[in-house]
Amino acid sequence: MGLFITIEGGEGSGKSTLISKLYNHLALVEKREVVKTFEPGATPLGKSIRELLLNQEEAVITPKAELLLFLADRAHHIETVIRPALKEGKIVLCDRFTDSSRAYQGARGGIAGLEDLCSLASNHLTPDLTFFLDVDPVIGLSRLARKKDRLEKEKIDFHQKVRQEYLRLAEKEPDRFVILNAMHSPEELFEAALGKVKHELFRASAL
């Protein structure tokens, strides 16, 4: 079985930079078999779902419908990309996973059975290691140079709630979560994350 690592965080936290640095080092320097992927939209089906979720500005999506669209993307992503790679013993680096749904849809509030629905979609697949890049949403959103998508355009209060949901999840599962201060430089974040990844790889090889 491979190693499943997820990178989580709010908008502008530096997830894409960190995951690229980890991939380049593990795949190109250490010559390990690594799959770099993301949610939503890593599969052909997922691309269509992503378009509905993030780029259809005129569409009104209710919280439960939003959640179910994300979960449909995840269920397909797991079955077609993540589990096959893990079964082949590869390292899977995923930009967002179940914790994104728990944080973002949790911040919406009022979605009954959120945890059960997330477990159903993931078929109880849990990352071995999760990095949460923590940054004040005001700072994170100010880093975005491109046009903002539907979620990024949410009011700052929503993004603050998302951050608090992430911190709550990290406190609840300290053995899996590693909180990284996203105000640090990309190189500092990479070095800190790589140290944790190497520890996890050593621990897995000793089992």
N, C-alpha and C. Protein backbone atom coordinates (compact mmCIF):
# COMPACT_ATOMS: atom_id res chain seq x y z
N MET A 1 0.85 -1.20 0.00
CA MET A 1 0.00 0.00 0.00
C MET A 1 0.88 1.24 0.00
N GLY A 2 0.45 2.25 -0.70
CA GLY A 2 1.22 3.48 -0.81
C GLY A 2 1.01 4.41 0.36
N LEU A 3 1.36 5.68 0.15
CA LEU A 3 1.23 6.71 1.18
C LEU A 3 0.35 7.83 0.64
N PHE A 4 -0.68 8.19 1.40
CA PHE A 4 -1.65 9.18 0.96
C PHE A 4 -1.47 10.46 1.77
N ILE A 5 -1.08 11.54 1.07
CA ILE A 5 -0.81 12.83 1.71
C ILE A 5 -1.70 13.89 1.09
N THR A 6 -2.37 14.67 1.93
CA THR A 6 -3.24 15.73 1.43
C THR A 6 -2.74 17.09 1.92
N ILE A 7 -2.99 18.11 1.11
CA ILE A 7 -2.62 19.48 1.44
C ILE A 7 -3.90 20.29 1.47
N GLU A 8 -4.17 20.92 2.61
CA GLU A 8 -5.39 21.68 2.81
C GLU A 8 -5.07 23.12 3.18
N GLY A 9 -6.07 23.98 3.02
CA GLY A 9 -5.90 25.38 3.40
C GLY A 9 -6.91 26.27 2.72
N GLY A 10 -7.01 27.48 3.21
CA GLY A 10 -7.92 28.45 2.61
C GLY A 10 -7.36 29.01 1.32
N GLU A 11 -8.06 29.98 0.77
CA GLU A 11 -7.66 30.56 -0.50
C GLU A 11 -6.35 31.34 -0.33
N GLY A 12 -5.43 31.17 -1.28
CA GLY A 12 -4.17 31.90 -1.24
C GLY A 12 -3.20 31.44 -0.16
N SER A 13 -3.38 30.23 0.34
CA SER A 13 -2.51 29.75 1.42
C SER A 13 -1.20 29.15 0.91
N GLY A 14 -1.11 28.87 -0.39
CA GLY A 14 0.12 28.34 -0.96
C GLY A 14 0.13 26.84 -1.16
N LYS A 15 -1.04 26.24 -1.24
CA LYS A 15 -1.14 24.79 -1.42
C LYS A 15 -0.47 24.32 -2.71
N SER A 16 -0.76 25.00 -3.80
CA SER A 16 -0.23 24.57 -5.11
C SER A 16 1.29 24.62 -5.14
N THR A 17 1.86 25.66 -4.53
CA THR A 17 3.32 25.78 -4.49
C THR A 17 3.94 24.65 -3.69
N LEU A 18 3.36 24.38 -2.52
CA LEU A 18 3.90 23.34 -1.65
C LEU A 18 3.81 21.97 -2.30
N ILE A 19 2.67 21.65 -2.90
CA ILE A 19 2.50 20.32 -3.48
C ILE A 19 3.44 20.14 -4.67
N SER A 20 3.69 21.20 -5.42
CA SER A 20 4.62 21.11 -6.55
C SER A 20 6.05 20.87 -6.07
N LYS A 21 6.45 21.55 -5.02
CA LYS A 21 7.79 21.38 -4.46
C LYS A 21 7.97 19.96 -3.92
N LEU A 22 6.96 19.45 -3.21
CA LEU A 22 7.04 18.09 -2.69
C LEU A 22 7.11 17.07 -3.82
N TYR A 23 6.28 17.26 -4.83
CA TYR A 23 6.28 16.34 -5.97
C TYR A 23 7.64 16.33 -6.67
N ASN A 24 8.17 17.51 -6.95
CA ASN A 24 9.44 17.60 -7.66
C ASN A 24 10.56 16.92 -6.88
N HIS A 25 10.57 17.10 -5.58
CA HIS A 25 11.63 16.49 -4.78
C HIS A 25 11.47 14.98 -4.71
N LEU A 26 10.26 14.53 -4.38
CA LEU A 26 10.05 13.09 -4.20
C LEU A 26 10.19 12.33 -5.52
N ALA A 27 9.68 12.90 -6.60
CA ALA A 27 9.70 12.20 -7.89
C ALA A 27 11.03 12.36 -8.62
N LEU A 28 11.58 13.56 -8.60
CA LEU A 28 12.76 13.84 -9.42
C LEU A 28 14.07 13.66 -8.67
N VAL A 29 14.08 13.97 -7.38
CA VAL A 29 15.31 13.84 -6.60
C VAL A 29 15.41 12.47 -5.96
N GLU A 30 14.34 12.04 -5.27
CA GLU A 30 14.37 10.75 -4.58
C GLU A 30 13.93 9.59 -5.47
N LYS A 31 13.46 9.90 -6.69
CA LYS A 31 13.08 8.89 -7.68
C LYS A 31 11.99 7.94 -7.17
N ARG A 32 11.04 8.51 -6.42
CA ARG A 32 9.92 7.71 -5.95
C ARG A 32 8.75 7.81 -6.93
N GLU A 33 7.87 6.83 -6.90
CA GLU A 33 6.66 6.88 -7.74
C GLU A 33 5.62 7.74 -7.03
N VAL A 34 5.29 8.86 -7.65
CA VAL A 34 4.41 9.83 -7.02
C VAL A 34 3.30 10.25 -7.99
N VAL A 35 2.10 10.36 -7.47
CA VAL A 35 0.97 10.88 -8.24
C VAL A 35 0.55 12.20 -7.60
N LYS A 36 0.53 13.26 -8.41
CA LYS A 36 0.07 14.57 -7.93
C LYS A 36 -1.32 14.82 -8.49
N THR A 37 -2.28 15.09 -7.63
CA THR A 37 -3.65 15.26 -8.09
C THR A 37 -4.34 16.34 -7.26
N PHE A 38 -5.62 16.57 -7.53
CA PHE A 38 -6.32 17.68 -6.86
C PHE A 38 -7.83 17.46 -6.91
N GLU A 39 -8.55 18.24 -6.11
CA GLU A 39 -10.01 18.23 -6.13
C GLU A 39 -10.53 19.67 -6.04
N PRO A 40 -11.66 19.91 -6.71
CA PRO A 40 -12.33 19.04 -7.67
C PRO A 40 -11.74 19.22 -9.07
N GLY A 41 -11.95 18.22 -9.93
CA GLY A 41 -11.64 18.39 -11.34
C GLY A 41 -10.47 17.63 -11.92
N ALA A 42 -9.97 16.61 -11.22
CA ALA A 42 -8.79 15.89 -11.72
C ALA A 42 -9.11 14.85 -12.78
N THR A 43 -10.37 14.54 -12.98
CA THR A 43 -10.79 13.56 -13.98
C THR A 43 -11.66 14.25 -15.02
N PRO A 44 -11.90 13.61 -16.18
CA PRO A 44 -12.80 14.23 -17.16
C PRO A 44 -14.18 14.54 -16.57
N LEU A 45 -14.75 13.61 -15.80
CA LEU A 45 -16.03 13.89 -15.14
C LEU A 45 -15.87 15.04 -14.15
N GLY A 46 -14.76 15.00 -13.42
CA GLY A 46 -14.52 16.04 -12.42
C GLY A 46 -14.41 17.43 -13.00
N LYS A 47 -13.87 17.54 -14.22
CA LYS A 47 -13.76 18.85 -14.86
C LYS A 47 -15.13 19.48 -15.06
N SER A 48 -16.09 18.65 -15.44
CA SER A 48 -17.45 19.17 -15.63
C SER A 48 -18.07 19.59 -14.31
N ILE A 49 -17.82 18.80 -13.27
CA ILE A 49 -18.35 19.14 -11.95
C ILE A 49 -17.69 20.43 -11.44
N ARG A 50 -16.38 20.55 -11.64
CA ARG A 50 -15.67 21.75 -11.21
C ARG A 50 -16.24 23.00 -11.88
N GLU A 51 -16.53 22.87 -13.17
CA GLU A 51 -17.10 24.00 -13.91
C GLU A 51 -18.42 24.44 -13.28
N LEU A 52 -19.26 23.47 -12.92
CA LEU A 52 -20.54 23.78 -12.28
C LEU A 52 -20.34 24.44 -10.92
N LEU A 53 -19.39 23.92 -10.16
CA LEU A 53 -19.19 24.39 -8.79
C LEU A 53 -18.54 25.76 -8.70
N LEU A 54 -17.57 26.03 -9.55
CA LEU A 54 -16.74 27.21 -9.34
C LEU A 54 -16.91 28.32 -10.37
N ASN A 55 -17.33 27.97 -11.57
CA ASN A 55 -17.28 28.96 -12.64
C ASN A 55 -18.64 29.37 -13.21
N GLN A 56 -19.70 28.78 -12.71
CA GLN A 56 -21.04 29.17 -13.16
C GLN A 56 -21.59 30.22 -12.20
N GLU A 57 -21.17 31.46 -12.39
CA GLU A 57 -21.49 32.51 -11.44
C GLU A 57 -22.99 32.81 -11.36
N GLU A 58 -23.70 32.55 -12.45
CA GLU A 58 -25.12 32.86 -12.43
C GLU A 58 -25.94 31.77 -11.76
N ALA A 59 -25.32 30.60 -11.54
CA ALA A 59 -26.04 29.48 -10.96
C ALA A 59 -26.13 29.63 -9.44
N VAL A 60 -27.31 29.38 -8.90
CA VAL A 60 -27.52 29.37 -7.46
C VAL A 60 -27.44 27.91 -7.01
N ILE A 61 -26.46 27.61 -6.16
CA ILE A 61 -26.26 26.24 -5.70
C ILE A 61 -26.53 26.19 -4.20
N THR A 62 -27.50 25.40 -3.79
CA THR A 62 -27.81 25.28 -2.37
C THR A 62 -26.68 24.54 -1.67
N PRO A 63 -26.51 24.74 -0.36
CA PRO A 63 -25.42 24.09 0.37
C PRO A 63 -25.37 22.58 0.21
N LYS A 64 -26.52 21.91 0.29
CA LYS A 64 -26.51 20.46 0.18
C LYS A 64 -26.16 20.02 -1.24
N ALA A 65 -26.68 20.72 -2.24
CA ALA A 65 -26.34 20.39 -3.63
C ALA A 65 -24.85 20.61 -3.88
N GLU A 66 -24.31 21.69 -3.32
CA GLU A 66 -22.88 21.97 -3.44
C GLU A 66 -22.06 20.81 -2.86
N LEU A 67 -22.43 20.39 -1.67
CA LEU A 67 -21.73 19.28 -1.02
C LEU A 67 -21.79 18.02 -1.87
N LEU A 68 -22.96 17.68 -2.37
CA LEU A 68 -23.13 16.44 -3.13
C LEU A 68 -22.35 16.47 -4.44
N LEU A 69 -22.22 17.64 -5.04
CA LEU A 69 -21.40 17.75 -6.25
C LEU A 69 -19.93 17.50 -5.93
N PHE A 70 -19.46 18.10 -4.85
CA PHE A 70 -18.07 17.84 -4.43
C PHE A 70 -17.86 16.36 -4.13
N LEU A 71 -18.83 15.74 -3.48
CA LEU A 71 -18.69 14.33 -3.10
C LEU A 71 -18.74 13.41 -4.32
N ALA A 72 -19.53 13.78 -5.32
CA ALA A 72 -19.57 12.98 -6.55
C ALA A 72 -18.20 13.01 -7.23
N ASP A 73 -17.61 14.19 -7.28
CA ASP A 73 -16.25 14.31 -7.83
C ASP A 73 -15.28 13.43 -7.05
N ARG A 74 -15.39 13.47 -5.71
CA ARG A 74 -14.44 12.72 -4.87
C ARG A 74 -14.61 11.22 -5.03
N ALA A 75 -15.83 10.74 -5.03
CA ALA A 75 -16.06 9.30 -5.16
C ALA A 75 -15.44 8.77 -6.45
N HIS A 76 -15.63 9.51 -7.54
CA HIS A 76 -15.08 9.08 -8.83
C HIS A 76 -13.55 9.20 -8.83
N HIS A 77 -13.05 10.26 -8.25
CA HIS A 77 -11.61 10.51 -8.16
C HIS A 77 -10.91 9.39 -7.40
N ILE A 78 -11.49 8.99 -6.28
CA ILE A 78 -10.91 7.91 -5.47
C ILE A 78 -10.85 6.61 -6.26
N GLU A 79 -11.96 6.26 -6.89
CA GLU A 79 -12.05 4.97 -7.57
C GLU A 79 -11.17 4.90 -8.82
N THR A 80 -10.97 6.03 -9.48
CA THR A 80 -10.25 6.00 -10.75
C THR A 80 -8.80 6.46 -10.67
N VAL A 81 -8.44 7.21 -9.63
CA VAL A 81 -7.09 7.76 -9.53
C VAL A 81 -6.39 7.36 -8.23
N ILE A 82 -6.99 7.67 -7.11
CA ILE A 82 -6.28 7.56 -5.82
C ILE A 82 -6.07 6.12 -5.39
N ARG A 83 -7.15 5.34 -5.29
CA ARG A 83 -6.99 3.96 -4.82
C ARG A 83 -6.10 3.12 -5.75
N PRO A 84 -6.26 3.20 -7.07
CA PRO A 84 -5.36 2.43 -7.94
C PRO A 84 -3.88 2.78 -7.70
N ALA A 85 -3.58 4.06 -7.50
CA ALA A 85 -2.19 4.46 -7.25
C ALA A 85 -1.69 3.93 -5.92
N LEU A 86 -2.52 4.00 -4.89
CA LEU A 86 -2.12 3.51 -3.58
C LEU A 86 -1.90 2.00 -3.60
N LYS A 87 -2.76 1.28 -4.33
CA LYS A 87 -2.60 -0.17 -4.44
C LYS A 87 -1.29 -0.55 -5.13
N GLU A 88 -0.80 0.33 -5.98
CA GLU A 88 0.48 0.10 -6.67
C GLU A 88 1.67 0.57 -5.82
N GLY A 89 1.40 1.01 -4.60
CA GLY A 89 2.46 1.41 -3.70
C GLY A 89 3.01 2.80 -3.93
N LYS A 90 2.28 3.63 -4.64
CA LYS A 90 2.76 4.98 -4.97
C LYS A 90 2.42 5.96 -3.85
N ILE A 91 3.14 7.07 -3.84
CA ILE A 91 2.81 8.20 -2.97
C ILE A 91 1.79 9.05 -3.71
N VAL A 92 0.68 9.36 -3.08
CA VAL A 92 -0.33 10.22 -3.68
C VAL A 92 -0.35 11.55 -2.93
N LEU A 93 -0.11 12.64 -3.66
CA LEU A 93 -0.19 14.00 -3.13
C LEU A 93 -1.45 14.63 -3.68
N CYS A 94 -2.37 14.99 -2.81
CA CYS A 94 -3.67 15.50 -3.27
C CYS A 94 -3.94 16.89 -2.70
N ASP A 95 -4.18 17.83 -3.59
CA ASP A 95 -4.54 19.20 -3.23
C ASP A 95 -6.05 19.23 -2.96
N ARG A 96 -6.40 19.21 -1.69
CA ARG A 96 -7.76 19.15 -1.15
C ARG A 96 -8.30 17.71 -1.18
N PHE A 97 -9.06 17.40 -0.12
CA PHE A 97 -9.73 16.10 -0.02
C PHE A 97 -10.91 16.27 0.93
N THR A 98 -11.25 15.25 1.66
CA THR A 98 -12.45 15.27 2.51
C THR A 98 -12.46 16.43 3.50
N ASP A 99 -11.30 16.79 4.02
CA ASP A 99 -11.27 17.88 5.01
C ASP A 99 -11.74 19.20 4.42
N SER A 100 -11.57 19.40 3.11
CA SER A 100 -12.10 20.60 2.47
C SER A 100 -13.62 20.64 2.57
N SER A 101 -14.26 19.51 2.33
CA SER A 101 -15.72 19.46 2.45
C SER A 101 -16.15 19.68 3.90
N ARG A 102 -15.42 19.06 4.81
CA ARG A 102 -15.76 19.21 6.23
C ARG A 102 -15.60 20.66 6.67
N ALA A 103 -14.61 21.36 6.13
CA ALA A 103 -14.37 22.75 6.53
C ALA A 103 -15.29 23.72 5.79
N TYR A 104 -15.34 23.62 4.47
CA TYR A 104 -16.14 24.58 3.69
C TYR A 104 -17.64 24.37 3.87
N GLN A 105 -18.08 23.12 3.72
CA GLN A 105 -19.50 22.88 3.90
C GLN A 105 -19.89 22.94 5.38
N GLY A 106 -18.94 22.63 6.25
CA GLY A 106 -19.20 22.80 7.68
C GLY A 106 -19.40 24.27 8.02
N ALA A 107 -18.67 25.15 7.33
CA ALA A 107 -18.81 26.59 7.56
C ALA A 107 -20.18 27.09 7.07
N ARG A 108 -20.79 26.38 6.13
CA ARG A 108 -22.13 26.76 5.69
C ARG A 108 -23.13 26.56 6.81
N GLY A 109 -22.93 25.46 7.59
CA GLY A 109 -23.83 25.15 8.68
C GLY A 109 -25.13 24.52 8.22
N GLY A 110 -25.73 23.75 9.09
CA GLY A 110 -27.07 23.24 8.84
C GLY A 110 -27.18 22.08 7.88
N ILE A 111 -26.05 21.43 7.53
CA ILE A 111 -26.11 20.27 6.63
C ILE A 111 -26.10 19.01 7.49
N ALA A 112 -27.27 18.41 7.64
CA ALA A 112 -27.39 17.22 8.47
C ALA A 112 -26.63 16.05 7.85
N GLY A 113 -25.91 15.31 8.69
CA GLY A 113 -25.21 14.12 8.20
C GLY A 113 -23.98 14.41 7.39
N LEU A 114 -23.37 15.58 7.58
CA LEU A 114 -22.18 15.96 6.79
C LEU A 114 -21.08 14.91 6.89
N GLU A 115 -20.74 14.51 8.10
CA GLU A 115 -19.66 13.54 8.30
C GLU A 115 -20.00 12.20 7.65
N ASP A 116 -21.24 11.75 7.80
CA ASP A 116 -21.64 10.47 7.22
C ASP A 116 -21.59 10.51 5.70
N LEU A 117 -22.01 11.62 5.12
CA LEU A 117 -21.98 11.75 3.66
C LEU A 117 -20.54 11.77 3.15
N CYS A 118 -19.67 12.46 3.88
CA CYS A 118 -18.25 12.50 3.48
C CYS A 118 -17.62 11.10 3.56
N SER A 119 -17.97 10.35 4.60
CA SER A 119 -17.45 8.99 4.75
C SER A 119 -17.98 8.08 3.65
N LEU A 120 -19.24 8.26 3.28
CA LEU A 120 -19.83 7.46 2.21
C LEU A 120 -19.09 7.70 0.89
N ALA A 121 -18.83 8.96 0.57
CA ALA A 121 -18.17 9.28 -0.69
C ALA A 121 -16.74 8.78 -0.74
N SER A 122 -16.05 8.86 0.39
CA SER A 122 -14.64 8.45 0.42
C SER A 122 -14.47 6.97 0.70
N ASN A 123 -15.59 6.28 1.02
CA ASN A 123 -15.53 4.88 1.41
C ASN A 123 -14.51 4.70 2.54
N HIS A 124 -14.51 5.69 3.46
CA HIS A 124 -13.69 5.68 4.68
C HIS A 124 -12.19 5.78 4.39
N LEU A 125 -11.81 6.22 3.19
CA LEU A 125 -10.39 6.44 2.91
C LEU A 125 -9.94 7.71 3.64
N THR A 126 -8.91 7.57 4.47
CA THR A 126 -8.39 8.68 5.26
C THR A 126 -6.92 8.90 4.92
N PRO A 127 -6.50 10.14 4.72
CA PRO A 127 -5.08 10.40 4.44
C PRO A 127 -4.18 9.91 5.58
N ASP A 128 -2.97 9.52 5.22
CA ASP A 128 -1.98 9.17 6.24
C ASP A 128 -1.42 10.42 6.89
N LEU A 129 -1.38 11.51 6.13
CA LEU A 129 -0.80 12.76 6.61
C LEU A 129 -1.49 13.92 5.91
N THR A 130 -1.85 14.94 6.69
CA THR A 130 -2.51 16.11 6.12
C THR A 130 -1.81 17.38 6.58
N PHE A 131 -1.39 18.20 5.62
CA PHE A 131 -0.82 19.50 5.94
C PHE A 131 -1.89 20.57 5.80
N PHE A 132 -2.08 21.35 6.86
CA PHE A 132 -2.99 22.48 6.80
C PHE A 132 -2.17 23.76 6.80
N LEU A 133 -2.23 24.50 5.69
CA LEU A 133 -1.53 25.76 5.57
C LEU A 133 -2.41 26.87 6.13
N ASP A 134 -2.05 27.36 7.28
CA ASP A 134 -2.90 28.30 8.01
C ASP A 134 -2.48 29.74 7.73
N VAL A 135 -3.44 30.54 7.30
CA VAL A 135 -3.19 31.96 7.04
C VAL A 135 -4.48 32.74 7.27
N ASP A 136 -4.35 33.97 7.72
CA ASP A 136 -5.50 34.85 7.86
C ASP A 136 -6.15 35.00 6.48
N PRO A 137 -7.46 34.73 6.37
CA PRO A 137 -8.11 34.81 5.06
C PRO A 137 -7.96 36.16 4.37
N VAL A 138 -7.87 37.24 5.14
CA VAL A 138 -7.69 38.56 4.52
C VAL A 138 -6.38 38.59 3.74
N ILE A 139 -5.34 38.03 4.33
CA ILE A 139 -4.03 37.98 3.66
C ILE A 139 -4.06 36.99 2.50
N GLY A 140 -4.64 35.82 2.74
CA GLY A 140 -4.70 34.81 1.69
C GLY A 140 -5.42 35.29 0.45
N LEU A 141 -6.57 35.90 0.63
CA LEU A 141 -7.35 36.38 -0.51
C LEU A 141 -6.63 37.51 -1.24
N SER A 142 -5.86 38.29 -0.52
CA SER A 142 -5.13 39.40 -1.16
C SER A 142 -4.01 38.89 -2.06
N ARG A 143 -3.61 37.64 -1.88
CA ARG A 143 -2.54 37.05 -2.70
C ARG A 143 -3.03 36.61 -4.07
N LEU A 144 -4.34 36.49 -4.25
CA LEU A 144 -4.88 35.97 -5.50
C LEU A 144 -4.78 37.00 -6.60
N ALA A 145 -3.98 36.70 -7.60
CA ALA A 145 -3.79 37.63 -8.71
C ALA A 145 -4.78 37.38 -9.84
N ARG A 146 -5.27 36.14 -9.93
CA ARG A 146 -6.19 35.79 -11.02
C ARG A 146 -7.64 36.16 -10.65
N LYS A 147 -8.52 35.96 -11.61
CA LYS A 147 -9.94 36.19 -11.37
C LYS A 147 -10.45 35.18 -10.34
N LYS A 148 -11.20 35.66 -9.37
CA LYS A 148 -11.68 34.80 -8.29
C LYS A 148 -12.85 33.93 -8.75
N ASP A 149 -12.89 32.67 -8.25
CA ASP A 149 -14.01 31.81 -8.57
C ASP A 149 -15.15 32.04 -7.59
N ARG A 150 -16.22 31.25 -7.73
CA ARG A 150 -17.43 31.47 -6.93
C ARG A 150 -17.17 31.40 -5.43
N LEU A 151 -16.40 30.41 -4.99
CA LEU A 151 -16.12 30.27 -3.56
C LEU A 151 -15.19 31.37 -3.06
N GLU A 152 -14.22 31.73 -3.86
CA GLU A 152 -13.28 32.77 -3.45
C GLU A 152 -13.97 34.12 -3.28
N LYS A 153 -15.11 34.31 -3.96
CA LYS A 153 -15.85 35.56 -3.87
C LYS A 153 -16.78 35.63 -2.66
N GLU A 154 -16.82 34.57 -1.88
CA GLU A 154 -17.65 34.58 -0.67
C GLU A 154 -17.17 35.68 0.28
N LYS A 155 -18.06 36.13 1.16
CA LYS A 155 -17.72 37.18 2.12
C LYS A 155 -16.64 36.70 3.07
N ILE A 156 -15.89 37.66 3.61
CA ILE A 156 -14.75 37.31 4.47
C ILE A 156 -15.19 36.53 5.70
N ASP A 157 -16.40 36.78 6.20
CA ASP A 157 -16.90 36.04 7.37
C ASP A 157 -16.94 34.54 7.08
N PHE A 158 -17.33 34.18 5.87
CA PHE A 158 -17.37 32.77 5.49
C PHE A 158 -15.97 32.18 5.53
N HIS A 159 -15.00 32.87 4.97
CA HIS A 159 -13.63 32.36 4.93
C HIS A 159 -13.04 32.25 6.34
N GLN A 160 -13.43 33.17 7.22
CA GLN A 160 -12.98 33.07 8.61
C GLN A 160 -13.57 31.82 9.27
N LYS A 161 -14.81 31.50 8.97
CA LYS A 161 -15.43 30.29 9.50
C LYS A 161 -14.74 29.04 8.97
N VAL A 162 -14.37 29.07 7.69
CA VAL A 162 -13.65 27.94 7.09
C VAL A 162 -12.34 27.70 7.84
N ARG A 163 -11.62 28.78 8.11
CA ARG A 163 -10.35 28.64 8.85
C ARG A 163 -10.58 28.02 10.22
N GLN A 164 -11.60 28.47 10.91
CA GLN A 164 -11.88 27.93 12.24
C GLN A 164 -12.28 26.45 12.17
N GLU A 165 -13.00 26.07 11.12
CA GLU A 165 -13.36 24.66 10.95
C GLU A 165 -12.11 23.81 10.74
N TYR A 166 -11.18 24.31 9.95
CA TYR A 166 -9.93 23.58 9.73
C TYR A 166 -9.17 23.42 11.05
N LEU A 167 -9.08 24.49 11.82
CA LEU A 167 -8.37 24.42 13.09
C LEU A 167 -9.05 23.45 14.05
N ARG A 168 -10.37 23.41 14.01
CA ARG A 168 -11.10 22.46 14.84
C ARG A 168 -10.79 21.02 14.43
N LEU A 169 -10.75 20.78 13.13
CA LEU A 169 -10.43 19.44 12.64
C LEU A 169 -9.01 19.04 13.02
N ALA A 170 -8.09 19.99 12.90
CA ALA A 170 -6.69 19.70 13.25
C ALA A 170 -6.54 19.38 14.72
N GLU A 171 -7.28 20.08 15.55
CA GLU A 171 -7.23 19.81 17.00
C GLU A 171 -7.84 18.45 17.32
N LYS A 172 -8.84 18.06 16.55
CA LYS A 172 -9.53 16.79 16.76
C LYS A 172 -8.67 15.61 16.33
N GLU A 173 -7.84 15.79 15.30
CA GLU A 173 -7.01 14.70 14.77
C GLU A 173 -5.54 15.10 14.69
N PRO A 174 -4.91 15.32 15.83
CA PRO A 174 -3.52 15.81 15.83
C PRO A 174 -2.50 14.82 15.29
N ASP A 175 -2.83 13.53 15.30
CA ASP A 175 -1.89 12.54 14.78
C ASP A 175 -1.79 12.58 13.26
N ARG A 176 -2.81 13.11 12.61
CA ARG A 176 -2.81 13.18 11.14
C ARG A 176 -2.49 14.57 10.62
N PHE A 177 -2.98 15.58 11.29
CA PHE A 177 -2.81 16.96 10.84
C PHE A 177 -1.47 17.54 11.27
N VAL A 178 -0.87 18.28 10.35
CA VAL A 178 0.29 19.11 10.66
C VAL A 178 -0.07 20.54 10.24
N ILE A 179 -0.09 21.45 11.21
CA ILE A 179 -0.41 22.84 10.91
C ILE A 179 0.88 23.58 10.55
N LEU A 180 0.89 24.21 9.38
CA LEU A 180 2.04 24.98 8.93
C LEU A 180 1.63 26.45 8.80
N ASN A 181 2.46 27.33 9.32
CA ASN A 181 2.20 28.77 9.23
C ASN A 181 2.48 29.24 7.81
N ALA A 182 1.41 29.56 7.08
CA ALA A 182 1.55 29.92 5.67
C ALA A 182 2.13 31.31 5.46
N MET A 183 2.49 32.01 6.55
CA MET A 183 3.19 33.28 6.42
C MET A 183 4.69 33.04 6.21
N HIS A 184 5.14 31.82 6.44
CA HIS A 184 6.54 31.50 6.20
C HIS A 184 6.81 31.41 4.70
N SER A 185 8.06 31.44 4.33
CA SER A 185 8.42 31.40 2.92
C SER A 185 8.10 30.04 2.32
N PRO A 186 7.90 29.96 1.00
CA PRO A 186 7.65 28.66 0.36
C PRO A 186 8.73 27.64 0.66
N GLU A 187 9.98 28.08 0.74
CA GLU A 187 11.08 27.15 1.01
C GLU A 187 11.01 26.63 2.45
N GLU A 188 10.68 27.50 3.38
CA GLU A 188 10.54 27.07 4.78
C GLU A 188 9.39 26.07 4.92
N LEU A 189 8.30 26.34 4.25
CA LEU A 189 7.15 25.43 4.30
C LEU A 189 7.52 24.08 3.70
N PHE A 190 8.23 24.11 2.59
CA PHE A 190 8.65 22.88 1.93
C PHE A 190 9.55 22.05 2.85
N GLU A 191 10.53 22.68 3.46
CA GLU A 191 11.46 21.96 4.34
C GLU A 191 10.72 21.34 5.52
N ALA A 192 9.80 22.09 6.10
CA ALA A 192 9.03 21.57 7.24
C ALA A 192 8.17 20.39 6.81
N ALA A 193 7.50 20.53 5.67
CA ALA A 193 6.64 19.46 5.18
C ALA A 193 7.44 18.22 4.78
N LEU A 194 8.58 18.44 4.11
CA LEU A 194 9.40 17.31 3.67
C LEU A 194 9.89 16.49 4.86
N GLY A 195 10.26 17.16 5.95
CA GLY A 195 10.69 16.45 7.13
C GLY A 195 9.61 15.53 7.67
N LYS A 196 8.37 16.01 7.67
CA LYS A 196 7.25 15.19 8.13
C LYS A 196 6.98 14.03 7.17
N VAL A 197 7.09 14.28 5.88
CA VAL A 197 6.87 13.23 4.88
C VAL A 197 7.91 12.13 5.04
N LYS A 198 9.17 12.51 5.20
CA LYS A 198 10.23 11.52 5.36
C LYS A 198 10.01 10.69 6.62
N HIS A 199 9.57 11.33 7.68
CA HIS A 199 9.27 10.60 8.92
C HIS A 199 8.16 9.59 8.68
N GLU A 200 7.12 9.99 7.94
CA GLU A 200 6.00 9.11 7.67
C GLU A 200 6.42 7.95 6.78
N LEU A 201 7.28 8.23 5.81
CA LEU A 201 7.79 7.16 4.94
C LEU A 201 8.63 6.16 5.73
N PHE A 202 9.44 6.65 6.64
CA PHE A 202 10.25 5.77 7.49
C PHE A 202 9.36 4.93 8.39
N ARG A 203 8.35 5.57 8.97
CA ARG A 203 7.43 4.84 9.86
C ARG A 203 6.69 3.76 9.09
N ALA A 204 6.25 4.08 7.86
CA ALA A 204 5.50 3.11 7.05
C ALA A 204 6.38 1.93 6.66
N SER A 205 7.65 2.21 6.37
CA SER A 205 8.55 1.13 5.96
C SER A 205 8.91 0.20 7.11
N ALA A 206 8.76 0.71 8.33
CA ALA A 206 9.11 -0.09 9.51
C ALA A 206 7.95 -0.98 9.97
N LEU A 207 6.75 -0.72 9.42
CA LEU A 207 5.60 -1.53 9.83
C LEU A 207 5.64 -2.92 9.25
